[in-house]
C-alpha atoms as a PDB file:
ATOM      1  CA  MET A   1     118.888  39.549  81.961  1.00  0.00           C
ATOM      2  CA  GLN A   2     122.743  39.731  81.783  1.00  0.00           C
ATOM      3  CA  ALA A   3     122.790  38.760  78.743  1.00  0.00           C
ATOM      4  CA  THR A   4     120.036  41.177  77.550  1.00  0.00           C
ATOM      5  CA  LEU A   5     122.331  43.914  78.556  1.00  0.00           C
ATOM      6  CA  THR A   6     125.338  42.720  77.270  1.00  0.00           C
ATOM      7  CA  ALA A   7     123.870  42.553  73.602  1.00  0.00           C
ATOM      8  CA  LEU A   8     122.856  45.698  75.064  1.00  0.00           C
ATOM      9  CA  VAL A   9     126.255  47.084  74.849  1.00  0.00           C
ATOM     10  CA  ALA A  10     127.817  45.543  71.843  1.00  0.00           C
ATOM     11  CA  LYS A  11     124.505  47.260  70.059  1.00  0.00           C
ATOM     12  CA  ALA A  12     125.516  50.798  72.022  1.00  0.00           C
ATOM     13  CA  GLN A  13     129.021  50.513  70.784  1.00  0.00           C
ATOM     14  CA  THR A  14     128.253  49.017  67.634  1.00  0.00           C
ATOM     15  CA  GLU A  15     126.377  52.301  66.655  1.00  0.00           C
ATOM     16  CA  LEU A  16     127.828  55.075  68.640  1.00  0.00           C
ATOM     17  CA  ALA A  17     131.209  54.214  66.809  1.00  0.00           C
ATOM     18  CA  GLY A  18     129.462  55.777  62.993  1.00  0.00           C
ATOM     19  CA  LEU A  19     128.045  59.285  64.485  1.00  0.00           C
ATOM     20  CA  THR A  20     129.048  62.143  62.774  1.00  0.00           C
ATOM     21  CA  ALA A  21     126.659  64.624  63.976  1.00  0.00           C
ATOM     22  CA  ARG A  22     125.457  65.984  67.950  1.00  0.00           C
ATOM     23  CA  PRO A  23     121.868  65.550  67.339  1.00  0.00           C
ATOM     24  CA  ALA A  24     122.014  61.558  65.787  1.00  0.00           C
ATOM     25  CA  LEU A  25     123.569  61.506  69.319  1.00  0.00           C
ATOM     26  CA  GLU A  26     121.558  63.298  71.333  1.00  0.00           C
ATOM     27  CA  ALA A  27     118.656  60.683  69.043  1.00  0.00           C
ATOM     28  CA  ALA A  28     120.760  57.831  70.347  1.00  0.00           C
ATOM     29  CA  LYS A  29     121.441  58.545  74.167  1.00  0.00           C
ATOM     30  CA  ALA A  30     117.623  59.237  74.289  1.00  0.00           C
ATOM     31  CA  ARG A  31     117.122  55.167  73.676  1.00  0.00           C
ATOM     32  CA  TYR A  32     119.348  54.654  75.559  1.00  0.00           C
ATOM     33  CA  VAL A  33     119.929  56.226  78.794  1.00  0.00           C
ATOM     34  CA  GLY A  34     116.789  58.454  78.345  1.00  0.00           C
ATOM     35  CA  PRO A  35     113.631  57.590  80.762  1.00  0.00           C
ATOM     36  CA  ASN A  36     112.118  56.022  77.772  1.00  0.00           C
ATOM     37  CA  GLY A  37     115.437  54.569  77.361  1.00  0.00           C
ATOM     38  CA  GLU A  38     116.384  50.484  76.658  1.00  0.00           C
ATOM     39  CA  LEU A  39     118.990  50.037  79.856  1.00  0.00           C
ATOM     40  CA  THR A  40     115.070  51.940  81.586  1.00  0.00           C
ATOM     41  CA  ALA A  41     113.533  49.923  80.494  1.00  0.00           C
ATOM     42  CA  LEU A  42     115.793  47.144  82.165  1.00  0.00           C
ATOM     43  CA  MET A  43     115.942  48.874  85.514  1.00  0.00           C
ATOM     44  CA  LYS A  44     112.149  48.962  85.744  1.00  0.00           C
ATOM     45  CA  GLN A  45     112.225  45.326  85.809  1.00  0.00           C
ATOM     46  CA  MET A  46     113.838  45.221  88.879  1.00  0.00           C
ATOM     47  CA  GLY A  47     111.473  44.641  90.136  1.00  0.00           C
ATOM     48  CA  THR A  48     110.309  41.293  88.600  1.00  0.00           C
ATOM     49  CA  VAL A  49     113.562  39.680  90.034  1.00  0.00           C
ATOM     50  CA  PRO A  50     113.725  37.424  93.184  1.00  0.00           C
ATOM     51  CA  LYS A  51     115.318  39.448  95.914  1.00  0.00           C
ATOM     52  CA  GLU A  52     118.680  37.021  96.636  1.00  0.00           C
ATOM     53  CA  GLN A  53     119.428  38.161  92.604  1.00  0.00           C
ATOM     54  CA  ARG A  54     118.526  41.808  93.252  1.00  0.00           C
ATOM     55  CA  PRO A  55     122.920  42.600  94.089  1.00  0.00           C
ATOM     56  CA  ALA A  56     124.269  40.913  91.109  1.00  0.00           C
ATOM     57  CA  MET A  57     121.317  42.015  88.872  1.00  0.00           C
ATOM     58  CA  GLY A  58     121.798  46.015  90.277  1.00  0.00           C
ATOM     59  CA  LYS A  59     125.592  45.912  90.271  1.00  0.00           C
ATOM     60  CA  LEU A  60     124.714  44.788  86.437  1.00  0.00           C
ATOM     61  CA  ILE A  61     123.042  47.533  85.431  1.00  0.00           C
ATOM     62  CA  ASN A  62     124.980  50.413  87.344  1.00  0.00           C
ATOM     63  CA  GLU A  63     128.599  48.483  85.188  1.00  0.00           C
ATOM     64  CA  THR A  64     126.074  48.746  81.884  1.00  0.00           C
ATOM     65  CA  LYS A  65     124.947  52.196  83.269  1.00  0.00           C
ATOM     66  CA  ALA A  66     128.662  53.414  83.299  1.00  0.00           C
ATOM     67  CA  ARG A  67     130.051  51.811  79.836  1.00  0.00           C
ATOM     68  CA  LEU A  68     127.008  53.170  77.993  1.00  0.00           C
ATOM     69  CA  GLN A  69     128.051  56.668  79.308  1.00  0.00           C
ATOM     70  CA  GLU A  70     131.418  55.350  78.914  1.00  0.00           C
ATOM     71  CA  LEU A  71     130.379  54.959  74.726  1.00  0.00           C
ATOM     72  CA  LEU A  72     128.108  58.536  74.542  1.00  0.00           C
ATOM     73  CA  ASP A  73     131.527  60.427  76.470  1.00  0.00           C
ATOM     74  CA  ALA A  74     133.720  59.131  73.448  1.00  0.00           C
ATOM     75  CA  ALA A  75     130.842  59.667  70.438  1.00  0.00           C
ATOM     76  CA  LEU A  76     131.185  62.987  71.471  1.00  0.00           C
ATOM     77  CA  ALA A  77     134.519  63.490  72.160  1.00  0.00           C
ATOM     78  CA  ALA A  78     135.103  62.306  68.571  1.00  0.00           C
ATOM     79  CA  ILE A  79     132.143  64.812  67.034  1.00  0.00           C
ATOM     80  CA  GLU A  80     134.337  67.937  68.704  1.00  0.00           C
ATOM     81  CA  THR A  81     136.806  66.269  67.368  1.00  0.00           C
ATOM     82  CA  ASN A  82     135.458  66.025  63.729  1.00  0.00           C
ATOM     83  CA  GLU A  83     134.093  69.659  64.521  1.00  0.00           C
ATOM     84  CA  LEU A  84     137.324  71.595  65.090  1.00  0.00           C
ATOM     85  CA  ARG A  85     138.744  69.783  62.564  1.00  0.00           C
ATOM     86  CA  ALA A  86     136.128  71.327  59.991  1.00  0.00           C
ATOM     87  CA  GLN A  87     137.070  75.082  61.255  1.00  0.00           C
ATOM     88  CA  LEU A  88     140.664  74.719  60.351  1.00  0.00           C
ATOM     89  CA  GLY A  89     140.182  73.523  57.185  1.00  0.00           C
ATOM     90  CA  PRO A  90     142.838  70.872  55.477  1.00  0.00           C
ATOM     91  CA  ALA A  91     146.008  70.433  56.952  1.00  0.00           C
ATOM     92  CA  ILE A  92     149.546  72.366  56.518  1.00  0.00           C
ATOM     93  CA  ASP A  93     153.011  71.123  55.683  1.00  0.00           C
ATOM     94  CA  PRO A  94     154.575  73.308  58.591  1.00  0.00           C
ATOM     95  CA  THR A  95     157.781  71.969  55.938  1.00  0.00           C
ATOM     96  CA  LEU A  96     157.142  74.477  53.754  1.00  0.00           C
ATOM     97  CA  PRO A  97     158.185  78.227  53.644  1.00  0.00           C
ATOM     98  CA  THR A  98     156.297  81.048  54.491  1.00  0.00           C
ATOM     99  CA  PRO A  99     154.346  83.512  52.121  1.00  0.00           C
ATOM    100  CA  ASP A 100     156.125  86.267  55.085  1.00  0.00           C
ATOM    101  CA  ALA A 101     159.649  86.415  55.093  1.00  0.00           C
ATOM    102  CA  ARG A 102     159.683  89.091  57.115  1.00  0.00           C
ATOM    103  CA  SER A 103     161.480  88.917  60.098  1.00  0.00           C
ATOM    104  CA  GLY A 104     159.857  89.724  63.632  1.00  0.00           C
ATOM    105  CA  THR A 105     160.723  93.431  64.941  1.00  0.00           C
ATOM    106  CA  TYR A 106     160.273  95.508  68.129  1.00  0.00           C
ATOM    107  CA  HIS A 107     156.824  96.662  69.677  1.00  0.00           C
ATOM    108  CA  PRO A 108     156.886 100.691  69.157  1.00  0.00           C
ATOM    109  CA  LEU A 109     156.682 100.494  73.082  1.00  0.00           C
ATOM    110  CA  THR A 110     160.059  98.833  73.147  1.00  0.00           C
ATOM    111  CA  LEU A 111     161.447 101.033  70.754  1.00  0.00           C
ATOM    112  CA  VAL A 112     160.985 104.273  73.008  1.00  0.00           C
ATOM    113  CA  ARG A 113     162.359 102.164  76.299  1.00  0.00           C
ATOM    114  CA  GLU A 114     165.078 101.053  75.268  1.00  0.00           C
ATOM    115  CA  GLU A 115     165.565 104.905  72.862  1.00  0.00           C
ATOM    116  CA  MET A 116     165.240 106.954  76.487  1.00  0.00           C
ATOM    117  CA  CYS A 117     167.542 104.140  78.393  1.00  0.00           C
ATOM    118  CA  ARG A 118     169.929 104.749  76.496  1.00  0.00           C
ATOM    119  CA  ILE A 119     169.595 108.727  75.141  1.00  0.00           C
ATOM    120  CA  LEU A 120     169.995 108.380  80.069  1.00  0.00           C
ATOM    121  CA  ARG A 121     172.512 105.739  80.086  1.00  0.00           C
ATOM    122  CA  LYS A 122     174.667 108.513  78.041  1.00  0.00           C
ATOM    123  CA  VAL A 123     174.403 110.679  80.786  1.00  0.00           C
ATOM    124  CA  GLY A 124     175.263 107.976  83.897  1.00  0.00           C
ATOM    125  CA  PHE A 125     172.015 106.420  84.705  1.00  0.00           C
ATOM    126  CA  THR A 126     171.741 103.506  85.063  1.00  0.00           C
ATOM    127  CA  VAL A 127     168.580 100.852  84.289  1.00  0.00           C
ATOM    128  CA  ALA A 128     166.513  99.678  88.147  1.00  0.00           C
ATOM    129  CA  ASP A 129     163.817  97.518  87.560  1.00  0.00           C
ATOM    130  CA  GLY A 130     161.369  96.102  90.540  1.00  0.00           C
ATOM    131  CA  PRO A 131     158.004  93.943  91.297  1.00  0.00           C
ATOM    132  CA  GLU A 132     154.779  94.713  89.659  1.00  0.00           C
ATOM    133  CA  VAL A 133     152.882  94.017  92.736  1.00  0.00           C
ATOM    134  CA  GLU A 134     153.173  95.687  95.063  1.00  0.00           C
ATOM    135  CA  THR A 135     152.506  96.823  98.577  1.00  0.00           C
ATOM    136  CA  GLU A 136     150.624  99.972 100.165  1.00  0.00           C
ATOM    137  CA  TYR A 137     154.303 100.651 101.909  1.00  0.00           C
ATOM    138  CA  TYR A 138     156.709 101.229  98.997  1.00  0.00           C
ATOM    139  CA  CYS A 139     153.367 102.332  96.601  1.00  0.00           C
ATOM    140  CA  PHE A 140     151.983 105.038  98.997  1.00  0.00           C
ATOM    141  CA  ASP A 141     152.933 104.794 102.153  1.00  0.00           C
ATOM    142  CA  ALA A 142     157.302 105.462 101.447  1.00  0.00           C
ATOM    143  CA  LEU A 143     156.019 108.097  98.880  1.00  0.00           C
ATOM    144  CA  ASN A 144     154.527 110.607 100.968  1.00  0.00           C
ATOM    145  CA  THR A 145     150.582 109.693  99.825  1.00  0.00           C
ATOM    146  CA  PRO A 146     148.311 110.154 103.552  1.00  0.00           C
ATOM    147  CA  ALA A 147     145.843 106.974 104.053  1.00  0.00           C
ATOM    148  CA  ASP A 148     143.193 109.118 102.862  1.00  0.00           C
ATOM    149  CA  HIS A 149     144.367 110.145  99.146  1.00  0.00           C
ATOM    150  CA  PRO A 150     141.903 108.898  96.331  1.00  0.00           C
ATOM    151  CA  ALA A 151     144.512 107.294  94.737  1.00  0.00           C
ATOM    152  CA  ARG A 152     144.439 105.098  97.092  1.00  0.00           C
ATOM    153  CA  ASP A 153     141.209 104.264  96.792  1.00  0.00           C
ATOM    154  CA  VAL A 154     139.834 100.863  95.565  1.00  0.00           C
ATOM    155  CA  GLN A 155     138.433 103.124  92.367  1.00  0.00           C
ATOM    156  CA  ASP A 156     141.861 103.514  90.997  1.00  0.00           C
ATOM    157  CA  THR A 157     143.899 100.898  92.583  1.00  0.00           C
ATOM    158  CA  PHE A 158     144.458  96.950  92.010  1.00  0.00           C
ATOM    159  CA  TYR A 159     144.154  95.612  95.294  1.00  0.00           C
ATOM    160  CA  PHE A 160     144.378  91.742  96.240  1.00  0.00           C
ATOM    161  CA  PRO A 161     141.736  89.978  98.117  1.00  0.00           C
ATOM    162  CA  ALA A 162     143.258  90.306 102.628  1.00  0.00           C
ATOM    163  CA  THR A 163     144.329  86.446 101.565  1.00  0.00           C
ATOM    164  CA  ALA A 164     146.399  86.681  98.773  1.00  0.00           C
ATOM    165  CA  HIS A 165     150.047  85.999  99.312  1.00  0.00           C
ATOM    166  CA  PHE A 166     153.093  86.495  97.458  1.00  0.00           C
ATOM    167  CA  GLY A 167     156.707  85.218  98.798  1.00  0.00           C
ATOM    168  CA  ASN A 168     158.837  87.014  96.761  1.00  0.00           C
ATOM    169  CA  VAL A 169     156.812  90.658  98.013  1.00  0.00           C
ATOM    170  CA  SER A 170     157.537  91.230 101.833  1.00  0.00           C
ATOM    171  CA  LYS A 171     155.450  93.332 103.520  1.00  0.00           C
ATOM    172  CA  LYS A 172     156.440  96.431 105.816  1.00  0.00           C
ATOM    173  CA  THR A 173     153.401  95.701 108.727  1.00  0.00           C
ATOM    174  CA  ALA A 174     151.167  93.260 108.647  1.00  0.00           C
ATOM    175  CA  GLU A 175     147.894  95.536 108.032  1.00  0.00           C
ATOM    176  CA  GLU A 176     149.316  96.718 104.399  1.00  0.00           C
ATOM    177  CA  LYS A 177     147.468  95.324 101.328  1.00  0.00           C
ATOM    178  CA  TYR A 178     149.153  93.496  98.181  1.00  0.00           C
ATOM    179  CA  LEU A 179     148.033  95.914  95.039  1.00  0.00           C
ATOM    180  CA  LEU A 180     149.530  95.294  90.839  1.00  0.00           C
ATOM    181  CA  ARG A 181     152.185  99.248  91.500  1.00  0.00           C
ATOM    182  CA  THR A 182     150.338 101.949  89.601  1.00  0.00           C
ATOM    183  CA  HIS A 183     153.337 104.395  89.752  1.00  0.00           C
ATOM    184  CA  THR A 184     157.103 102.805  88.877  1.00  0.00           C
ATOM    185  CA  SER A 185     158.444 105.388  91.562  1.00  0.00           C
ATOM    186  CA  SER A 186     157.928 102.549  93.842  1.00  0.00           C
ATOM    187  CA  VAL A 187     161.256 101.088  91.830  1.00  0.00           C
ATOM    188  CA  GLN A 188     163.057 104.435  93.461  1.00  0.00           C
ATOM    189  CA  ILE A 189     162.008 103.869  97.196  1.00  0.00           C
ATOM    190  CA  ARG A 190     162.738 100.258  97.065  1.00  0.00           C
ATOM    191  CA  THR A 191     166.718 101.627  95.533  1.00  0.00           C
ATOM    192  CA  MET A 192     167.387 104.255  98.111  1.00  0.00           C
ATOM    193  CA  LEU A 193     166.414 101.873 101.196  1.00  0.00           C
ATOM    194  CA  LYS A 194     169.312  99.217  99.096  1.00  0.00           C
ATOM    195  CA  GLY A 195     172.620 101.784 100.053  1.00  0.00           C
ATOM    196  CA  PRO A 196     173.060 105.287 100.245  1.00  0.00           C
ATOM    197  CA  PRO A 197     173.389 107.966  97.755  1.00  0.00           C
ATOM    198  CA  PRO A 198     174.608 108.739  95.000  1.00  0.00           C
ATOM    199  CA  ILE A 199     171.906 107.772  92.780  1.00  0.00           C
ATOM    200  CA  ARG A 200     170.922 108.204  89.571  1.00  0.00           C
ATOM    201  CA  ILE A 201     168.444 105.455  87.563  1.00  0.00           C
ATOM    202  CA  VAL A 202     165.989 105.015  85.549  1.00  0.00           C
ATOM    203  CA  SER A 203     163.028 102.938  85.842  1.00  0.00           C
ATOM    204  CA  PRO A 204     160.725 101.720  82.174  1.00  0.00           C
ATOM    205  CA  GLY A 205     157.547  99.736  83.783  1.00  0.00           C
ATOM    206  CA  ARG A 206     154.396  97.910  83.108  1.00  0.00           C
ATOM    207  CA  THR A 207     151.959  99.799  86.098  1.00  0.00           C
ATOM    208  CA  TYR A 208     148.304  99.491  86.762  1.00  0.00           C
ATOM    209  CA  ARG A 209     145.295 102.103  87.266  1.00  0.00           C
ATOM    210  CA  ARG A 210     141.503 101.600  87.096  1.00  0.00           C
ATOM    211  CA  ASP A 211     141.445 103.767  83.896  1.00  0.00           C
ATOM    212  CA  ALA A 212     138.090 103.481  81.363  1.00  0.00           C
ATOM    213  CA  THR A 213     139.837 102.603  78.312  1.00  0.00           C
ATOM    214  CA  ASP A 214     139.323 104.879  74.797  1.00  0.00           C
ATOM    215  CA  ALA A 215     141.604 106.860  73.026  1.00  0.00           C
ATOM    216  CA  THR A 216     144.657 107.918  74.953  1.00  0.00           C
ATOM    217  CA  HIS A 217     143.675 106.458  79.043  1.00  0.00           C
ATOM    218  CA  SER A 218     144.807 102.370  79.263  1.00  0.00           C
ATOM    219  CA  ALA A 219     143.351 100.747  82.121  1.00  0.00           C
ATOM    220  CA  ASN A 220     147.416  98.808  81.576  1.00  0.00           C
ATOM    221  CA  PHE A 221     150.105 101.257  80.339  1.00  0.00           C
ATOM    222  CA  ASN A 222     154.084 101.516  81.091  1.00  0.00           C
ATOM    223  CA  GLN A 223     155.492 104.207  82.761  1.00  0.00           C
ATOM    224  CA  LEU A 224     159.767 105.554  82.497  1.00  0.00           C
ATOM    225  CA  GLU A 225     160.746 107.311  85.606  1.00  0.00           C
ATOM    226  CA  CYS A 226     164.612 108.403  87.305  1.00  0.00           C
ATOM    227  CA  LEU A 227     165.558 109.497  90.502  1.00  0.00           C
ATOM    228  CA  TYR A 228     168.993 111.582  91.022  1.00  0.00           C
ATOM    229  CA  VAL A 229     170.552 111.683  94.440  1.00  0.00           C
ATOM    230  CA  ASP A 230     173.190 113.993  95.363  1.00  0.00           C
ATOM    231  CA  LYS A 231     174.690 117.008  96.790  1.00  0.00           C
ATOM    232  CA  ASN A 232     173.792 120.546  95.527  1.00  0.00           C
ATOM    233  CA  VAL A 233     170.837 119.224  93.062  1.00  0.00           C
ATOM    234  CA  THR A 234     169.033 121.823  92.055  1.00  0.00           C
ATOM    235  CA  VAL A 235     165.427 122.367  90.358  1.00  0.00           C
ATOM    236  CA  ARG A 236     167.789 123.900  87.448  1.00  0.00           C
ATOM    237  CA  ASP A 237     169.818 120.240  87.150  1.00  0.00           C
ATOM    238  CA  LEU A 238     166.617 118.811  86.649  1.00  0.00           C
ATOM    239  CA  LYS A 239     165.118 121.204  83.643  1.00  0.00           C
ATOM    240  CA  ALA A 240     168.890 120.936  82.136  1.00  0.00           C
ATOM    241  CA  LEU A 241     168.354 116.570  81.889  1.00  0.00           C
ATOM    242  CA  LEU A 242     164.829 117.136  80.757  1.00  0.00           C
ATOM    243  CA  ASP A 243     165.543 119.479  77.485  1.00  0.00           C
ATOM    244  CA  TYR A 244     168.238 117.338  76.873  1.00  0.00           C
ATOM    245  CA  ILE A 245     166.162 113.892  76.922  1.00  0.00           C
ATOM    246  CA  PHE A 246     163.445 115.272  74.513  1.00  0.00           C
ATOM    247  CA  GLY A 247     165.509 117.045  72.570  1.00  0.00           C
ATOM    248  CA  SER A 248     167.143 113.761  71.853  1.00  0.00           C
ATOM    249  CA  LEU A 249     164.471 111.743  70.739  1.00  0.00           C
ATOM    250  CA  LEU A 250     162.082 114.355  69.479  1.00  0.00           C
ATOM    251  CA  GLY A 251     164.484 116.778  67.851  1.00  0.00           C
ATOM    252  CA  LYS A 252     166.481 119.734  68.821  1.00  0.00           C
ATOM    253  CA  ASP A 253     163.399 121.515  68.170  1.00  0.00           C
ATOM    254  CA  THR A 254     161.202 120.516  71.151  1.00  0.00           C
ATOM    255  CA  LYS A 255     161.145 122.493  74.173  1.00  0.00           C
ATOM    256  CA  THR A 256     160.006 121.801  77.550  1.00  0.00           C
ATOM    257  CA  ARG A 257     158.008 124.326  80.252  1.00  0.00           C
ATOM    258  CA  PHE A 258     157.239 123.957  84.111  1.00  0.00           C
ATOM    259  CA  ARG A 259     154.017 124.731  85.154  1.00  0.00           C
ATOM    260  CA  PRO A 260     153.458 124.536  89.251  1.00  0.00           C
ATOM    261  CA  HIS A 261     151.100 121.461  90.026  1.00  0.00           C
ATOM    262  CA  TYR A 262     151.615 118.859  93.191  1.00  0.00           C
ATOM    263  CA  PHE A 263     152.662 115.532  94.214  1.00  0.00           C
ATOM    264  CA  GLY A 264     152.821 113.886  97.249  1.00  0.00           C
ATOM    265  CA  TYR A 265     156.799 112.119  96.452  1.00  0.00           C
ATOM    266  CA  THR A 266     157.703 116.195  95.393  1.00  0.00           C
ATOM    267  CA  GLU A 267     158.168 119.776  96.585  1.00  0.00           C
ATOM    268  CA  PRO A 268     158.081 122.045  94.629  1.00  0.00           C
ATOM    269  CA  SER A 269     156.177 120.027  92.644  1.00  0.00           C
ATOM    270  CA  PHE A 270     155.527 120.657  88.174  1.00  0.00           C
ATOM    271  CA  GLU A 271     153.565 118.903  85.427  1.00  0.00           C
ATOM    272  CA  VAL A 272     156.315 119.199  82.002  1.00  0.00           C
ATOM    273  CA  ASP A 273     154.807 120.278  78.875  1.00  0.00           C
ATOM    274  CA  LEU A 274     156.130 120.577  75.326  1.00  0.00           C
ATOM    275  CA  SER A 275     156.335 122.109  72.325  1.00  0.00           C
ATOM    276  CA  ALA A 276     157.090 120.139  69.097  1.00  0.00           C
ATOM    277  CA  LYS A 277     155.467 120.977  65.996  1.00  0.00           C
ATOM    278  CA  HIS A 278     157.468 120.224  63.858  1.00  0.00           C
ATOM    279  CA  LEU A 279     156.246 116.238  65.111  1.00  0.00           C
ATOM    280  CA  PRO A 280     153.177 114.499  62.944  1.00  0.00           C
ATOM    281  CA  LYS A 281     150.046 115.384  63.782  1.00  0.00           C
ATOM    282  CA  VAL A 282     151.398 117.836  66.286  1.00  0.00           C
ATOM    283  CA  LYS A 283     148.778 121.092  65.988  1.00  0.00           C
ATOM    284  CA  LYS A 284     148.418 121.873  69.914  1.00  0.00           C
ATOM    285  CA  GLU A 285     151.226 124.521  70.888  1.00  0.00           C
ATOM    286  CA  TRP A 286     151.984 123.238  73.828  1.00  0.00           C
ATOM    287  CA  ILE A 287     151.482 119.347  75.675  1.00  0.00           C
ATOM    288  CA  GLU A 288     151.147 117.911  78.991  1.00  0.00           C
ATOM    289  CA  ILE A 289     153.646 114.781  79.347  1.00  0.00           C
ATOM    290  CA  GLY A 290     154.914 114.565  82.392  1.00  0.00           C
ATOM    291  CA  GLY A 291     155.561 114.966  86.299  1.00  0.00           C
ATOM    292  CA  CYS A 292     158.234 115.936  88.608  1.00  0.00           C
ATOM    293  CA  GLY A 293     160.113 118.054  91.026  1.00  0.00           C
ATOM    294  CA  MET A 294     162.702 117.983  93.648  1.00  0.00           C
ATOM    295  CA  VAL A 295     162.961 114.865  96.803  1.00  0.00           C
ATOM    296  CA  ASP A 296     160.281 115.449  99.666  1.00  0.00           C
ATOM    297  CA  PRO A 297     162.720 115.339 102.420  1.00  0.00           C
ATOM    298  CA  THR A 298     160.117 113.871 103.888  1.00  0.00           C
ATOM    299  CA  VAL A 299     160.590 110.617 101.568  1.00  0.00           C
ATOM    300  CA  PHE A 300     164.563 110.821 102.083  1.00  0.00           C
ATOM    301  CA  ALA A 301     163.913 111.239 106.135  1.00  0.00           C
ATOM    302  CA  GLY A 302     161.361 108.189 105.405  1.00  0.00           C
ATOM    303  CA  VAL A 303     164.390 105.811 103.553  1.00  0.00           C
ATOM    304  CA  GLY A 304     167.364 107.249 105.934  1.00  0.00           C
ATOM    305  CA  TYR A 305     168.730 109.348 103.428  1.00  0.00           C
ATOM    306  CA  ASP A 306     170.220 113.161 105.138  1.00  0.00           C
ATOM    307  CA  PRO A 307     167.976 116.210 103.825  1.00  0.00           C
ATOM    308  CA  GLU A 308     169.959 118.525 104.686  1.00  0.00           C
ATOM    309  CA  VAL A 309     173.033 116.437 102.866  1.00  0.00           C
ATOM    310  CA  TRP A 310     171.108 115.228  99.820  1.00  0.00           C
ATOM    311  CA  SER A 311     168.734 116.580  96.998  1.00  0.00           C
ATOM    312  CA  GLY A 312     167.535 115.000  94.454  1.00  0.00           C
ATOM    313  CA  TYR A 313     165.150 115.167  91.850  1.00  0.00           C
ATOM    314  CA  ALA A 314     162.248 111.935  90.586  1.00  0.00           C
ATOM    315  CA  PHE A 315     160.467 112.610  87.093  1.00  0.00           C
ATOM    316  CA  GLY A 316     157.949 110.151  85.242  1.00  0.00           C
ATOM    317  CA  MET A 317     156.242 110.334  82.222  1.00  0.00           C
ATOM    318  CA  GLY A 318     153.915 107.599  80.479  1.00  0.00           C
ATOM    319  CA  LEU A 319     155.392 105.556  77.294  1.00  0.00           C
ATOM    320  CA  GLU A 320     152.722 105.661  75.632  1.00  0.00           C
ATOM    321  CA  ARG A 321     152.189 109.327  75.094  1.00  0.00           C
ATOM    322  CA  LEU A 322     155.617 109.982  73.915  1.00  0.00           C
ATOM    323  CA  ALA A 323     155.625 107.373  71.000  1.00  0.00           C
ATOM    324  CA  MET A 324     152.345 108.773  70.166  1.00  0.00           C
ATOM    325  CA  LEU A 325     154.197 111.603  69.432  1.00  0.00           C
ATOM    326  CA  LEU A 326     157.037 110.169  68.433  1.00  0.00           C
ATOM    327  CA  TYR A 327     154.619 107.911  65.539  1.00  0.00           C
ATOM    328  CA  GLY A 328     152.324 109.871  64.761  1.00  0.00           C
ATOM    329  CA  ILE A 329     149.736 108.186  66.738  1.00  0.00           C
ATOM    330  CA  ASP A 330     146.257 109.051  67.688  1.00  0.00           C
ATOM    331  CA  ASP A 331     145.261 106.368  68.963  1.00  0.00           C
ATOM    332  CA  ILE A 332     146.543 104.070  72.046  1.00  0.00           C
ATOM    333  CA  ARG A 333     144.393 100.721  72.137  1.00  0.00           C
ATOM    334  CA  TYR A 334     147.079 100.064  69.036  1.00  0.00           C
ATOM    335  CA  PHE A 335     149.512  99.383  70.991  1.00  0.00           C
ATOM    336  CA  TYR A 336     147.675  96.380  72.693  1.00  0.00           C
ATOM    337  CA  GLN A 337     145.525  94.579  70.001  1.00  0.00           C
ATOM    338  CA  ASN A 338     148.497  93.080  67.504  1.00  0.00           C
ATOM    339  CA  ASP A 339     147.265  94.202  64.467  1.00  0.00           C
ATOM    340  CA  LEU A 340     150.219  93.408  62.361  1.00  0.00           C
ATOM    341  CA  ARG A 341     148.804  95.926  59.819  1.00  0.00           C
ATOM    342  CA  PHE A 342     150.252  98.292  62.250  1.00  0.00           C
ATOM    343  CA  LEU A 343     152.978  96.466  64.441  1.00  0.00           C
ATOM    344  CA  ASN A 344     154.662  95.907  60.232  1.00  0.00           C
ATOM    345  CA  GLN A 345     155.457  99.402  60.017  1.00  0.00           C
ATOM    346  CA  PHE A 346     157.904  99.278  62.824  1.00  0.00           C
ATOM    347  CA  ALA A 347     159.987  96.389  60.667  1.00  0.00           C
END
């Protein structure tokens, strides 16, 4: 029996090493370890082996079975490698020069973000950053968003499981949940908690919401928000800054207007529209571009600022919307498809 098992392994080793296709491998597998295979037939002969020899014989059969499985696995790995090599085609020489000699360039969203930051730095703003994983306090509670607000619902916000833990993001209470930030306003709260006014920051960054993706919406998008806190800050200062920003970015013919709105973070609050018919593909008189307002005194009180002494404004907008206006892009999905035909236009 031992000689038969050894001969079976040697035969399988020779045969399996020469296989190049999956059907042939499956047929060989059936011949060796299938229900009617050679090893199975030998295992059925265990009943004829003397009782005292069965333990040793059983060990030999198990070793043979394991060895055959190793040979089958190695043959399958070799076949998969050959299949992949056939898909990849002939080998390339990485030392050859590229047929495309053009160098890389910035993504259009990066171009708009850096230009906006440059414009705001000229009038005293500094860039602030914060984590994309946030807690309910920084993303909602500190921004005067009540617990029953629709924005806090699981249909609108990406929450992490209750067991999730992020060591670099601390919670205010044990009950609050971790989430992917829905806006970069959380950076404003973190900045105000670090120290007293005056504060003048711009916070660009990636944000997340449960939006269905279409030509103008995405579950993952980029925002840019600004916060200015000082004494005697008024709505007039806010309007003047927005006029300056959009005039610098989109051209001096750009106009802005405010429409009354509601945001929990600001009071009074406004939607910002702009008129830029001189830009490509802009056919409307007014286009909604973002939200703004004077920081609510409740928010100031929550971070330890005296609302009788300090006032301030905040505004935010989507970078994708700005880039679409600036470059005449009509579908937000182009930004995320990594299509070189699209990206090379910004080289």
